N, C-alpha and C. Protein backbone atom coordinates (compact mmCIF):
# COMPACT_ATOMS: atom_id res chain seq x y z
N UNK A 1 119.22 133.64 116.41
CA UNK A 1 118.49 132.37 116.86
C UNK A 1 118.75 132.12 118.38
N UNK A 2 118.03 131.87 119.13
CA UNK A 2 118.29 131.55 120.78
C UNK A 2 118.44 130.23 120.58
N UNK A 3 119.28 129.60 121.80
CA UNK A 3 119.35 128.72 122.20
C UNK A 3 118.55 127.55 122.20
N UNK A 4 117.53 128.05 122.92
CA UNK A 4 116.03 127.26 122.74
C UNK A 4 115.41 127.02 121.45
N UNK A 5 115.55 127.62 120.53
CA UNK A 5 115.27 127.68 119.28
C UNK A 5 116.39 126.83 118.50
N UNK A 6 117.32 127.02 118.98
CA UNK A 6 118.30 125.74 118.01
C UNK A 6 118.29 124.48 118.33
N UNK A 7 117.92 123.94 119.57
CA UNK A 7 117.57 122.75 120.18
C UNK A 7 116.47 122.52 119.79
N UNK A 8 114.91 123.04 119.88
CA UNK A 8 113.48 122.91 119.48
C UNK A 8 114.09 122.43 117.63
N UNK A 9 114.77 123.55 116.93
CA UNK A 9 114.98 123.01 115.35
C UNK A 9 115.70 122.01 115.17
N UNK A 10 116.83 121.56 116.04
CA UNK A 10 117.68 120.36 116.25
C UNK A 10 116.76 119.19 116.09
N UNK A 11 115.67 119.19 117.45
CA UNK A 11 115.22 118.27 117.83
C UNK A 11 113.92 117.66 116.53
N UNK A 12 113.39 118.85 116.12
CA UNK A 12 112.54 118.49 114.86
C UNK A 12 112.97 117.89 113.74
N UNK A 13 114.00 118.28 113.40
CA UNK A 13 115.17 117.89 112.26
C UNK A 13 115.34 116.55 112.51
N UNK A 14 115.96 115.99 113.62
CA UNK A 14 116.29 115.02 114.03
C UNK A 14 115.27 114.08 114.03
N UNK A 15 113.89 114.57 114.08
CA UNK A 15 112.83 113.70 114.55
C UNK A 15 112.46 113.20 113.13
N UNK A 16 112.42 114.43 112.08
CA UNK A 16 111.79 113.78 110.76
C UNK A 16 112.89 112.85 109.96
N UNK A 17 114.34 113.45 110.37
CA UNK A 17 115.40 112.21 109.48
C UNK A 17 115.18 110.58 110.42
N UNK A 18 114.83 110.93 111.63
CA UNK A 18 114.66 109.64 112.37
C UNK A 18 113.40 108.79 111.57
N UNK A 19 112.39 109.75 111.88
CA UNK A 19 111.35 109.05 111.16
C UNK A 19 111.30 108.56 109.80
N UNK A 20 112.13 108.93 108.98
CA UNK A 20 112.13 108.09 107.90
C UNK A 20 113.19 106.99 107.85
N UNK A 21 114.18 106.77 109.06
CA UNK A 21 114.93 105.92 109.00
C UNK A 21 114.44 104.51 109.99
N UNK A 22 113.37 105.02 111.52
CA UNK A 22 113.41 104.42 112.16
C UNK A 22 112.00 104.29 112.07
N UNK A 23 111.23 103.14 112.57
CA UNK A 23 109.92 103.06 112.67
C UNK A 23 109.31 104.03 113.70
N UNK A 24 107.75 104.25 113.59
CA UNK A 24 107.20 105.44 114.39
C UNK A 24 107.45 105.07 115.43
N UNK A 25 107.17 103.92 115.98
CA UNK A 25 106.96 103.33 117.68
C UNK A 25 108.42 103.53 118.00
N UNK A 26 109.63 103.80 117.39
CA UNK A 26 110.77 104.05 118.43
C UNK A 26 110.80 105.67 118.73
N UNK A 27 110.03 106.25 118.04
CA UNK A 27 110.07 107.82 118.44
C UNK A 27 109.14 108.24 118.89
N UNK A 28 108.17 107.18 119.25
CA UNK A 28 106.83 107.83 119.92
C UNK A 28 106.99 108.14 121.59
N UNK A 29 107.63 107.49 122.46
CA UNK A 29 107.80 108.00 123.56
C UNK A 29 109.04 108.66 123.74
N UNK A 30 109.83 109.10 123.06
CA UNK A 30 110.99 109.91 123.15
C UNK A 30 110.51 111.49 123.04
N UNK A 31 111.01 112.02 124.21
CA UNK A 31 110.58 113.63 124.17
C UNK A 31 111.72 114.18 125.17
N UNK A 32 111.73 115.85 124.81
CA UNK A 32 112.85 116.27 125.69
C UNK A 32 112.30 117.68 125.80
N UNK A 33 112.41 118.33 127.15
CA UNK A 33 111.36 119.56 127.38
C UNK A 33 112.24 120.47 128.12
N UNK A 34 112.74 121.64 127.44
CA UNK A 34 113.63 122.50 128.25
C UNK A 34 112.87 123.95 128.39
N UNK A 35 112.45 124.11 129.78
CA UNK A 35 111.68 125.21 130.24
C UNK A 35 112.27 125.85 131.41
N UNK A 36 111.66 126.82 131.55
CA UNK A 36 111.92 127.58 133.08
C UNK A 36 113.26 128.06 133.00
N UNK A 37 114.02 128.32 132.29
CA UNK A 37 115.31 128.66 131.92
C UNK A 37 115.49 130.20 132.16
N UNK A 38 116.41 130.71 132.61
CA UNK A 38 116.52 132.07 132.39
C UNK A 38 118.16 132.57 131.51
N UNK A 39 118.25 133.81 132.10
CA UNK A 39 119.49 134.25 131.30
C UNK A 39 120.86 133.49 131.74
N UNK A 40 121.47 133.36 130.85
CA UNK A 40 122.91 132.60 131.13
C UNK A 40 122.83 131.31 131.50
N UNK A 41 121.46 130.87 131.33
CA UNK A 41 121.70 129.22 131.49
C UNK A 41 121.89 128.49 130.57
N UNK A 42 122.47 126.94 131.11
CA UNK A 42 122.90 126.17 130.10
C UNK A 42 121.97 124.80 129.80
N UNK A 43 121.59 124.78 128.90
CA UNK A 43 120.44 123.64 128.40
C UNK A 43 121.26 122.35 127.49
N UNK A 44 121.02 121.23 127.72
CA UNK A 44 121.49 120.29 127.24
C UNK A 44 120.36 119.03 127.21
N UNK A 45 119.86 118.48 125.92
CA UNK A 45 119.15 117.47 125.78
C UNK A 45 119.80 116.19 124.88
N UNK A 46 120.01 115.34 125.30
CA UNK A 46 120.58 113.89 124.58
C UNK A 46 119.54 113.04 124.46
N UNK A 47 119.52 112.32 123.38
CA UNK A 47 118.47 111.29 123.34
C UNK A 47 119.28 110.17 122.48
N UNK A 48 119.40 109.26 122.70
CA UNK A 48 119.95 108.22 122.13
C UNK A 48 118.95 107.05 121.45
N UNK A 49 118.98 106.70 120.66
CA UNK A 49 118.07 105.54 120.10
C UNK A 49 118.85 104.55 119.27
N UNK A 50 118.92 103.28 119.75
CA UNK A 50 119.77 102.21 119.25
C UNK A 50 118.71 101.26 118.89
N UNK A 51 118.81 100.51 117.50
CA UNK A 51 118.07 99.53 117.12
C UNK A 51 118.71 98.54 116.23
N UNK A 52 118.66 97.30 116.61
CA UNK A 52 119.42 96.28 115.91
C UNK A 52 118.12 95.27 115.63
N UNK A 53 118.49 94.67 114.24
CA UNK A 53 117.58 93.55 113.53
C UNK A 53 118.35 92.61 112.86
N UNK A 54 118.38 91.66 113.43
CA UNK A 54 119.29 90.47 112.59
C UNK A 54 117.97 89.34 112.34
N UNK A 55 118.00 88.99 110.84
CA UNK A 55 116.55 88.00 110.60
C UNK A 55 117.75 87.12 109.48
N UNK A 56 117.44 85.71 110.19
CA UNK A 56 118.66 84.83 109.22
C UNK A 56 117.02 84.11 108.55
N UNK A 57 116.77 83.71 107.30
CA UNK A 57 116.03 82.59 107.28
C UNK A 57 116.39 81.77 105.91
N UNK A 58 116.05 80.57 106.00
CA UNK A 58 116.68 79.40 105.03
C UNK A 58 115.15 78.68 104.64
N UNK A 59 114.90 78.49 103.69
CA UNK A 59 113.76 77.81 102.87
C UNK A 59 114.37 76.62 102.02
N UNK A 60 113.72 75.65 102.16
CA UNK A 60 113.94 74.63 101.20
C UNK A 60 112.32 73.87 101.33
N UNK A 61 112.25 73.41 99.96
CA UNK A 61 111.19 72.73 100.00
C UNK A 61 111.23 71.63 98.56
N UNK A 62 110.61 70.64 98.69
CA UNK A 62 110.16 69.80 97.53
C UNK A 62 108.77 69.05 97.76
N UNK A 63 108.08 69.50 96.36
CA UNK A 63 106.84 69.01 96.38
C UNK A 63 106.83 68.19 95.20
N UNK A 64 106.15 66.94 95.30
CA UNK A 64 105.82 66.10 94.42
C UNK A 64 104.16 65.94 94.09
N UNK A 65 103.58 66.72 93.33
CA UNK A 65 101.86 66.31 92.88
C UNK A 65 101.88 65.02 91.99
N UNK A 66 101.34 64.04 92.41
CA UNK A 66 100.76 63.23 91.48
C UNK A 66 99.30 63.07 91.22
N UNK A 67 98.87 63.01 90.48
CA UNK A 67 97.11 62.82 90.15
C UNK A 67 97.09 61.99 89.16
N UNK A 68 96.33 61.24 89.45
CA UNK A 68 95.75 60.48 88.79
C UNK A 68 94.37 60.32 88.81
N UNK A 69 93.60 60.51 87.70
CA UNK A 69 92.09 60.48 87.59
C UNK A 69 91.45 59.57 86.90
N UNK A 70 90.53 58.52 87.29
CA UNK A 70 90.09 57.65 86.47
C UNK A 70 88.13 57.74 86.40
N UNK A 71 87.51 58.03 85.39
CA UNK A 71 86.44 58.27 85.60
C UNK A 71 85.50 57.40 84.78
N UNK A 72 84.29 56.72 85.08
CA UNK A 72 83.70 56.45 83.93
C UNK A 72 82.15 56.17 84.43
N UNK A 73 81.44 56.15 83.28
CA UNK A 73 79.70 56.34 83.43
C UNK A 73 78.97 55.36 83.87
N UNK A 74 79.59 54.17 84.22
CA UNK A 74 78.73 53.06 84.62
C UNK A 74 78.88 51.74 83.71
N UNK A 75 79.86 51.79 82.93
CA UNK A 75 80.09 50.25 82.31
C UNK A 75 78.95 50.12 81.36
N UNK A 76 78.36 50.69 80.77
CA UNK A 76 77.17 50.27 79.74
C UNK A 76 77.54 49.57 78.65
N UNK A 77 76.70 48.40 78.29
CA UNK A 77 77.26 47.61 77.27
C UNK A 77 75.98 47.34 76.43
N UNK A 78 75.96 46.90 75.13
CA UNK A 78 75.16 46.65 74.42
C UNK A 78 75.44 45.32 73.55
N UNK A 79 75.51 44.27 74.17
CA UNK A 79 75.89 43.05 73.22
C UNK A 79 74.86 42.19 73.04
N UNK A 80 74.94 41.15 71.91
CA UNK A 80 73.90 40.24 71.72
C UNK A 80 72.78 40.91 71.48
N UNK A 81 72.52 41.82 71.15
CA UNK A 81 71.40 42.45 70.25
C UNK A 81 70.84 42.08 68.86
N UNK A 82 70.09 41.90 68.53
CA UNK A 82 69.53 41.41 67.00
C UNK A 82 68.27 42.22 67.16
N UNK A 83 68.18 42.25 65.46
CA UNK A 83 66.83 42.80 65.00
C UNK A 83 66.82 44.41 65.06
N UNK A 84 68.01 45.27 65.04
CA UNK A 84 67.78 46.55 64.90
C UNK A 84 68.85 47.68 65.43
N UNK A 85 68.73 48.71 65.35
CA UNK A 85 69.55 49.66 66.01
C UNK A 85 69.86 49.63 67.55
N UNK A 86 70.81 49.78 67.92
CA UNK A 86 71.08 49.64 69.38
C UNK A 86 71.61 51.07 69.75
N UNK A 87 71.11 51.61 70.93
CA UNK A 87 71.34 53.01 71.28
C UNK A 87 71.67 52.94 72.80
N UNK A 88 72.75 53.42 73.26
CA UNK A 88 72.95 53.57 74.98
C UNK A 88 73.32 55.12 75.03
N UNK A 89 72.43 55.61 76.03
CA UNK A 89 72.80 56.64 76.65
C UNK A 89 73.37 56.85 77.56
N UNK A 90 74.53 57.39 78.30
CA UNK A 90 75.24 57.23 79.26
C UNK A 90 75.46 58.84 79.99
N UNK A 91 75.77 58.87 81.37
CA UNK A 91 75.65 60.20 82.17
C UNK A 91 76.86 60.90 81.67
N UNK A 92 76.71 62.11 82.07
CA UNK A 92 78.20 62.76 81.76
C UNK A 92 79.08 62.97 82.87
N UNK A 93 80.41 63.03 82.33
CA UNK A 93 81.49 62.88 83.54
C UNK A 93 82.02 64.29 83.32
N UNK A 94 82.09 64.86 84.86
CA UNK A 94 82.82 65.98 85.25
C UNK A 94 84.04 65.65 86.46
N UNK A 95 84.96 66.15 85.92
CA UNK A 95 86.19 66.05 86.65
C UNK A 95 86.91 67.52 86.98
N UNK A 96 86.96 67.66 88.63
CA UNK A 96 88.05 68.84 88.60
C UNK A 96 88.80 68.55 89.36
N UNK A 97 90.11 69.05 89.12
CA UNK A 97 91.35 68.69 90.06
C UNK A 97 91.88 70.02 90.20
N UNK A 98 92.01 70.66 91.85
CA UNK A 98 92.75 71.62 92.07
C UNK A 98 93.85 71.29 93.01
N UNK A 99 95.64 71.64 92.53
CA UNK A 99 96.50 71.69 93.60
C UNK A 99 96.83 72.91 93.54
N UNK A 100 97.31 73.16 94.78
CA UNK A 100 97.56 74.39 95.33
C UNK A 100 98.83 74.22 96.18
N UNK A 101 100.03 74.72 95.75
CA UNK A 101 101.34 74.59 96.74
C UNK A 101 101.83 75.73 97.16
N UNK A 102 101.66 76.36 98.51
CA UNK A 102 102.27 77.25 98.92
C UNK A 102 103.43 77.24 99.97
N UNK A 103 105.01 77.68 99.29
CA UNK A 103 105.74 77.20 100.18
C UNK A 103 106.92 78.46 100.12
N UNK A 104 107.74 78.30 100.88
CA UNK A 104 108.72 79.45 101.09
C UNK A 104 108.32 80.81 101.25
N UNK A 105 107.54 81.25 101.99
CA UNK A 105 106.93 82.59 102.23
C UNK A 105 107.30 83.19 103.43
N UNK A 106 107.68 84.15 103.29
CA UNK A 106 108.12 85.22 104.66
C UNK A 106 107.34 86.41 104.60
N UNK A 107 107.07 86.63 106.00
CA UNK A 107 106.52 88.06 106.24
C UNK A 107 107.47 88.78 107.28
N UNK A 108 108.65 88.67 106.96
CA UNK A 108 109.83 89.32 107.65
C UNK A 108 109.80 90.92 107.01
N UNK A 109 109.89 91.81 108.36
CA UNK A 109 109.75 93.56 107.76
C UNK A 109 111.16 93.60 106.76
């Protein structure tokens, strides 16, 4: 195996290993080309990539949901009625209460 083939193989293997460890963007602009070399030439290619990420996150939340629902249909009454059956028709009551609490969310990589 020639030196050029060894370097190419090492670069490809390093790229595959690096792509699994580093994001693709870190290797996108990295290249090394050795060309135009002749007999007894010495070639080298050195690529260094360094990446450091430090993420600190602290979350705290206190949620108090107090809901009081009081509904009525209009205060209908039927007092002081004489001589017969008394009937009162009132409207329907519908109540919807929705509470959503989204806290302590993180989108860190």
